[in-house]
Amino acid sequence: MNNYETVFILTPVLSDDQMKDAVEGYVKVLTDSGAKIVNKEIWGLKKLAYQINHKSTGFYALIEFDADGSAIEKLETEYRRDERVMRYMTISLDKHAVKYNEKRRKGEFKKTKQVEEVTA
């Protein structure tokens, strides 16, 4: 089993409940394929860098999981079939990315106090 992470953007015309249901649907697709969900984050409505289908915002979501390659095929097939998905990207994580994600989830990358400049 390999480590993967998928980020997808859903159309902004959905309600919050519809968006959460869509994310849970993709989690179910993964678990039905034998994947183990490591982390799930809903980032919410964000401004897009450029318009997609004449829309300037979208609901972002991230799912981190352990799975075989066949689960990726099933997940991306579901993305392509769903009209609510504007964009998606699934990547394989190496050991360094997995460690980084663990630290990020634990909050080890929070902002540190800024040192005040001393003026003479």
C-alpha atoms as a PDB file:
ATOM      1  CA  MET A   1       0.000   0.000   0.000  1.00  0.00           C
ATOM      2  CA  ASN A   2       1.235   3.446  -0.946  1.00  0.00           C
ATOM      3  CA  ASN A   3       0.565   6.839   0.607  1.00  0.00           C
ATOM      4  CA  TYR A   4      -1.532   9.249  -1.460  1.00  0.00           C
ATOM      5  CA  GLU A   5      -3.132  12.641  -1.141  1.00  0.00           C
ATOM      6  CA  THR A   6      -5.927  14.024  -3.257  1.00  0.00           C
ATOM      7  CA  VAL A   7      -7.151  17.605  -3.444  1.00  0.00           C
ATOM      8  CA  PHE A   8     -10.289  18.502  -5.339  1.00  0.00           C
ATOM      9  CA  ILE A   9     -12.356  21.601  -5.992  1.00  0.00           C
ATOM     10  CA  LEU A  10     -16.142  21.438  -5.962  1.00  0.00           C
ATOM     11  CA  THR A  11     -18.429  23.952  -7.638  1.00  0.00           C
ATOM     12  CA  PRO A  12     -19.421  26.890  -5.386  1.00  0.00           C
ATOM     13  CA  VAL A  13     -23.164  26.574  -6.081  1.00  0.00           C
ATOM     14  CA  LEU A  14     -23.416  23.728  -3.536  1.00  0.00           C
ATOM     15  CA  SER A  15     -24.626  24.247   0.008  1.00  0.00           C
ATOM     16  CA  ASP A  16     -22.338  23.325   2.897  1.00  0.00           C
ATOM     17  CA  ASP A  17     -24.283  20.112   3.498  1.00  0.00           C
ATOM     18  CA  GLN A  18     -24.071  19.099  -0.166  1.00  0.00           C
ATOM     19  CA  MET A  19     -20.338  19.782  -0.157  1.00  0.00           C
ATOM     20  CA  LYS A  20     -19.805  17.672   2.981  1.00  0.00           C
ATOM     21  CA  ASP A  21     -21.913  14.876   1.470  1.00  0.00           C
ATOM     22  CA  ALA A  22     -19.761  14.945  -1.675  1.00  0.00           C
ATOM     23  CA  VAL A  23     -16.555  14.675   0.376  1.00  0.00           C
ATOM     24  CA  GLU A  24     -18.011  11.786   2.388  1.00  0.00           C
ATOM     25  CA  GLY A  25     -18.994  10.109  -0.884  1.00  0.00           C
ATOM     26  CA  TYR A  26     -15.374  10.179  -2.056  1.00  0.00           C
ATOM     27  CA  VAL A  27     -14.202   8.889   1.307  1.00  0.00           C
ATOM     28  CA  LYS A  28     -16.661   6.002   0.876  1.00  0.00           C
ATOM     29  CA  VAL A  29     -15.343   5.279  -2.632  1.00  0.00           C
ATOM     30  CA  LEU A  30     -11.853   4.991  -1.169  1.00  0.00           C
ATOM     31  CA  THR A  31     -12.816   2.843   1.810  1.00  0.00           C
ATOM     32  CA  ASP A  32     -14.882   0.541  -0.427  1.00  0.00           C
ATOM     33  CA  SER A  33     -11.726   0.087  -2.523  1.00  0.00           C
ATOM     34  CA  GLY A  34      -9.755  -0.990   0.539  1.00  0.00           C
ATOM     35  CA  ALA A  35      -8.069   2.322   1.306  1.00  0.00           C
ATOM     36  CA  LYS A  36      -7.276   3.497   4.831  1.00  0.00           C
ATOM     37  CA  ILE A  37      -8.125   7.174   5.391  1.00  0.00           C
ATOM     38  CA  VAL A  38      -5.309   8.961   7.233  1.00  0.00           C
ATOM     39  CA  ASN A  39      -6.650  12.530   7.196  1.00  0.00           C
ATOM     40  CA  LYS A  40      -9.572  14.473   5.765  1.00  0.00           C
ATOM     41  CA  GLU A  41      -9.727  18.263   5.635  1.00  0.00           C
ATOM     42  CA  ILE A  42     -12.378  20.561   4.246  1.00  0.00           C
ATOM     43  CA  TRP A  43     -10.726  23.877   3.475  1.00  0.00           C
ATOM     44  CA  GLY A  44     -13.955  25.607   2.537  1.00  0.00           C
ATOM     45  CA  LEU A  45     -14.785  28.204  -0.077  1.00  0.00           C
ATOM     46  CA  LYS A  46     -11.661  29.801  -1.570  1.00  0.00           C
ATOM     47  CA  LYS A  47     -10.944  32.198  -4.406  1.00  0.00           C
ATOM     48  CA  LEU A  48      -9.482  30.509  -7.486  1.00  0.00           C
ATOM     49  CA  ALA A  49      -6.286  31.745  -9.120  1.00  0.00           C
ATOM     50  CA  TYR A  50      -8.151  31.820 -12.441  1.00  0.00           C
ATOM     51  CA  GLN A  51     -11.730  31.214 -13.521  1.00  0.00           C
ATOM     52  CA  ILE A  52     -12.866  27.653 -14.152  1.00  0.00           C
ATOM     53  CA  ASN A  53     -16.157  27.258 -16.019  1.00  0.00           C
ATOM     54  CA  HIS A  54     -16.876  30.976 -15.434  1.00  0.00           C
ATOM     55  CA  LYS A  55     -16.575  30.530 -11.646  1.00  0.00           C
ATOM     56  CA  SER A  56     -14.046  32.423  -9.521  1.00  0.00           C
ATOM     57  CA  THR A  57     -14.501  30.455  -6.262  1.00  0.00           C
ATOM     58  CA  GLY A  58     -14.728  26.796  -5.267  1.00  0.00           C
ATOM     59  CA  PHE A  59     -14.921  24.468  -2.269  1.00  0.00           C
ATOM     60  CA  TYR A  60     -11.530  22.873  -1.594  1.00  0.00           C
ATOM     61  CA  ALA A  61     -11.095  19.505   0.138  1.00  0.00           C
ATOM     62  CA  LEU A  62      -8.132  17.235   0.864  1.00  0.00           C
ATOM     63  CA  ILE A  63      -8.061  13.503   1.631  1.00  0.00           C
ATOM     64  CA  GLU A  64      -4.865  11.725   2.649  1.00  0.00           C
ATOM     65  CA  PHE A  65      -4.984   7.920   2.460  1.00  0.00           C
ATOM     66  CA  ASP A  66      -3.094   4.633   2.091  1.00  0.00           C
ATOM     67  CA  ALA A  67      -4.222   2.476  -0.831  1.00  0.00           C
ATOM     68  CA  ASP A  68      -3.321   0.346  -3.820  1.00  0.00           C
ATOM     69  CA  GLY A  69      -3.190   1.810  -7.322  1.00  0.00           C
ATOM     70  CA  SER A  70      -6.579   0.355  -8.253  1.00  0.00           C
ATOM     71  CA  ALA A  71      -8.273   2.629  -5.688  1.00  0.00           C
ATOM     72  CA  ILE A  72      -6.840   5.667  -7.488  1.00  0.00           C
ATOM     73  CA  GLU A  73      -8.379   4.552 -10.770  1.00  0.00           C
ATOM     74  CA  LYS A  74     -11.813   4.166  -9.150  1.00  0.00           C
ATOM     75  CA  LEU A  75     -11.553   7.520  -7.355  1.00  0.00           C
ATOM     76  CA  GLU A  76     -10.522   9.462 -10.449  1.00  0.00           C
ATOM     77  CA  THR A  77     -13.251   7.776 -12.495  1.00  0.00           C
ATOM     78  CA  GLU A  78     -15.766   9.066  -9.939  1.00  0.00           C
ATOM     79  CA  TYR A  79     -14.225  12.556 -10.142  1.00  0.00           C
ATOM     80  CA  ARG A  80     -14.614  12.591 -13.928  1.00  0.00           C
ATOM     81  CA  ARG A  81     -18.250  11.439 -13.712  1.00  0.00           C
ATOM     82  CA  ASP A  82     -19.258  14.023 -11.124  1.00  0.00           C
ATOM     83  CA  GLU A  83     -20.317  17.393 -12.552  1.00  0.00           C
ATOM     84  CA  ARG A  84     -19.703  19.050  -9.175  1.00  0.00           C
ATOM     85  CA  VAL A  85     -15.926  18.466  -9.391  1.00  0.00           C
ATOM     86  CA  MET A  86     -14.199  21.327 -11.192  1.00  0.00           C
ATOM     87  CA  ARG A  87     -10.580  20.137 -10.741  1.00  0.00           C
ATOM     88  CA  TYR A  88      -8.742  17.362  -8.908  1.00  0.00           C
ATOM     89  CA  MET A  89      -5.204  16.170  -8.340  1.00  0.00           C
ATOM     90  CA  THR A  90      -4.019  12.947  -6.727  1.00  0.00           C
ATOM     91  CA  ILE A  91      -0.341  12.496  -5.900  1.00  0.00           C
ATOM     92  CA  SER A  92       1.773   9.757  -4.389  1.00  0.00           C
ATOM     93  CA  LEU A  93       3.595  10.808  -1.224  1.00  0.00           C
ATOM     94  CA  ASP A  94       7.195   9.848  -0.497  1.00  0.00           C
ATOM     95  CA  LYS A  95       8.454   9.257   3.044  1.00  0.00           C
ATOM     96  CA  HIS A  96       9.465  12.906   3.461  1.00  0.00           C
ATOM     97  CA  ALA A  97       6.022  14.175   2.465  1.00  0.00           C
ATOM     98  CA  VAL A  98       4.378  11.721   4.877  1.00  0.00           C
ATOM     99  CA  LYS A  99       6.552  13.003   7.746  1.00  0.00           C
ATOM    100  CA  TYR A 100       5.806  16.606   6.762  1.00  0.00           C
ATOM    101  CA  ASN A 101       2.048  15.934   6.748  1.00  0.00           C
ATOM    102  CA  GLU A 102       2.254  14.304  10.193  1.00  0.00           C
ATOM    103  CA  LYS A 103       4.038  17.361  11.590  1.00  0.00           C
ATOM    104  CA  ARG A 104       1.560  19.697   9.880  1.00  0.00           C
ATOM    105  CA  ARG A 105      -1.400  17.851  11.434  1.00  0.00           C
ATOM    106  CA  LYS A 106       0.206  18.089  14.880  1.00  0.00           C
ATOM    107  CA  GLY A 107       0.608  21.844  14.449  1.00  0.00           C
ATOM    108  CA  GLU A 108       4.400  21.912  14.602  1.00  0.00           C
ATOM    109  CA  PHE A 109       4.554  24.554  11.862  1.00  0.00           C
ATOM    110  CA  LYS A 110       2.589  27.278  13.657  1.00  0.00           C
ATOM    111  CA  LYS A 111       3.851  30.814  13.375  1.00  0.00           C
ATOM    112  CA  THR A 112       6.609  31.705  15.779  1.00  0.00           C
ATOM    113  CA  LYS A 113       6.833  35.017  17.585  1.00  0.00           C
ATOM    114  CA  GLN A 114       8.438  37.676  15.476  1.00  0.00           C
ATOM    115  CA  VAL A 115      11.531  39.211  16.935  1.00  0.00           C
ATOM    116  CA  GLU A 116      11.278  42.968  17.247  1.00  0.00           C
ATOM    117  CA  GLU A 117      14.017  44.891  15.504  1.00  0.00           C
ATOM    118  CA  VAL A 118      16.193  46.888  17.818  1.00  0.00           C
ATOM    119  CA  THR A 119      16.891  50.351  16.514  1.00  0.00           C
ATOM    120  CA  ALA A 120      19.924  52.236  17.678  1.00  0.00           C
END
